[in-house]
Amino acid sequence: MNRPAVTTTDWTPRLARQEDIRALEVLIPLSVRTLQAPYYSSAQMESALGPVFGVDKQLIWDGTYFIVEQGTQIIGCGARKNTRY
């Protein structure tokens, strides 16, 4: 199946801000329960929420956590944590 090339986007990336935290706390569990469902049991997903999948507020404060908005709605998020010290 050939897909048409994407030439425009209707989403915008930006750095996450402290006021985005509540929306991220809703988005991340929804994402985990939807996207991980084919691969993990409900118990596995629920036990990973929080310690594995959650909002890392330190990354937001550091300015290294990003969100993607479609209009005014946050539709994605992520960060790359620097593990070298």
Protein backbone atom coordinates (compact mmCIF):
# COMPACT_ATOMS: atom_id res chain seq x y z
CA MET A 1 0.00 0.00 0.00
CA ASN A 2 1.45 3.35 -1.01
CA ARG A 3 0.89 6.24 1.31
CA PRO A 4 0.88 9.82 0.10
CA ALA A 5 3.85 11.92 1.12
CA VAL A 6 3.23 14.20 4.04
CA THR A 7 3.90 17.76 2.96
CA THR A 8 2.35 19.77 5.79
CA THR A 9 1.71 19.28 9.44
CA ASP A 10 -0.99 20.50 11.70
CA TRP A 11 1.04 19.89 14.85
CA THR A 12 3.69 21.94 16.56
CA PRO A 13 6.50 20.83 18.90
CA ARG A 14 7.59 22.99 21.82
CA LEU A 15 9.27 22.73 25.19
CA ALA A 16 6.97 21.56 27.95
CA ARG A 17 6.10 24.01 30.69
CA GLN A 18 5.05 23.48 34.28
CA GLU A 19 1.45 24.29 33.37
CA ASP A 20 1.45 21.30 30.97
CA ILE A 21 1.99 18.76 33.76
CA ARG A 22 -1.69 18.05 34.44
CA ALA A 23 -2.42 17.40 30.75
CA LEU A 24 0.63 15.11 30.56
CA GLU A 25 -0.56 13.19 33.61
CA VAL A 26 -3.73 12.41 31.63
CA LEU A 27 -2.04 11.78 28.27
CA ILE A 28 0.70 9.40 29.35
CA PRO A 29 -1.52 6.71 30.97
CA LEU A 30 -3.92 6.91 28.02
CA SER A 31 -1.01 6.43 25.65
CA VAL A 32 0.42 3.50 27.63
CA ARG A 33 -2.93 1.71 27.90
CA THR A 34 -3.62 2.17 24.19
CA LEU A 35 -0.25 1.66 22.51
CA GLN A 36 1.14 -1.02 24.82
CA ALA A 37 -2.04 -3.13 25.05
CA PRO A 38 -1.00 -5.55 22.28
CA TYR A 39 2.27 -6.30 24.07
CA TYR A 40 1.66 -6.20 27.82
CA SER A 41 -0.99 -7.35 30.25
CA SER A 42 -3.11 -4.81 32.11
CA ALA A 43 -1.24 -5.63 35.31
CA GLN A 44 2.13 -5.00 33.65
CA MET A 45 1.00 -1.68 32.22
CA GLU A 46 -0.51 -0.50 35.49
CA SER A 47 2.61 -1.40 37.44
CA ALA A 48 4.77 0.55 34.96
CA LEU A 49 2.67 3.71 35.22
CA GLY A 50 4.41 6.04 37.59
CA PRO A 51 7.83 4.48 38.08
CA VAL A 52 8.50 3.85 34.37
CA PHE A 53 5.93 5.89 32.47
CA GLY A 54 5.15 9.23 33.98
CA VAL A 55 5.93 12.91 33.88
CA ASP A 56 9.54 13.57 34.77
CA LYS A 57 9.16 17.05 36.22
CA GLN A 58 12.91 17.52 36.50
CA LEU A 59 13.21 17.26 32.71
CA ILE A 60 10.52 19.90 32.31
CA TRP A 61 12.38 22.20 34.70
CA ASP A 62 15.64 21.46 32.87
CA GLY A 63 14.06 22.45 29.54
CA THR A 64 14.64 19.04 27.95
CA TYR A 65 11.05 17.70 27.84
CA PHE A 66 9.05 18.34 24.70
CA ILE A 67 5.40 18.22 23.81
CA VAL A 68 3.58 18.24 20.50
CA GLU A 69 0.38 20.23 20.16
CA GLN A 70 -2.40 20.06 17.63
CA GLY A 71 -4.13 23.37 18.02
CA THR A 72 -4.23 23.81 21.78
CA GLN A 73 -4.34 20.08 22.60
CA ILE A 74 -1.23 18.16 23.64
CA ILE A 75 -1.03 15.04 21.49
CA GLY A 76 2.46 13.77 22.25
CA CYS A 77 5.41 14.16 24.57
CA GLY A 78 8.88 12.89 25.21
CA ALA A 79 12.38 13.62 26.34
CA ARG A 80 15.85 12.30 26.03
CA LYS A 81 17.38 11.95 29.42
CA ASN A 82 21.12 12.54 29.59
CA THR A 83 22.51 9.59 31.52
CA ARG A 84 26.15 10.64 31.29
CA TYR A 85 27.41 12.56 34.29
